[in-house]
Amino acid sequence: MEILDYNAMKTALARMCACFAAENVPENAVFDSKLVAHELLANALQYGGGRAYFTFERRGDEIRITVRGEREFRPPEKTDRVGVDAERGRGLFLVDALSAERNYSAENGISVVILIR
């Protein structure tokens, strides 16, 4: 789905959470998915040209989230820990901490896998 602003992002995240809840995904996996998707979408809106594209799906015991912006932005392959008082730079670190896998392609953007436990 196409996300044009933060209100659309909130609506999309609520839809994702409702879908996962209906599929009896445990609350901790729904929370992790929402946090990861929020970080990726916020970055795409801010740095990716003001428009984001978002998909999510459950595949067995995995949740796959894909986000891309209008502009190609290749994130670093590894993230470093930032100080707790830093105002920026935590998003991708959180994404990596909560995801089992993170990939990037110019065509699809950033794709992450979250394990359902």
Foldseek 3Di string as FASTA:
>chain_A
DKDQDVVSLVVVLVVQLVVCVVVVQDPVLNVLVSLLSVLQVVCQCVPQARMKDWDWDDDPQKIKIFMHHNHDDDDDPDADDDDPPDPDRCNVVSNVVQFPDWDADRVTGIMTMGGGD
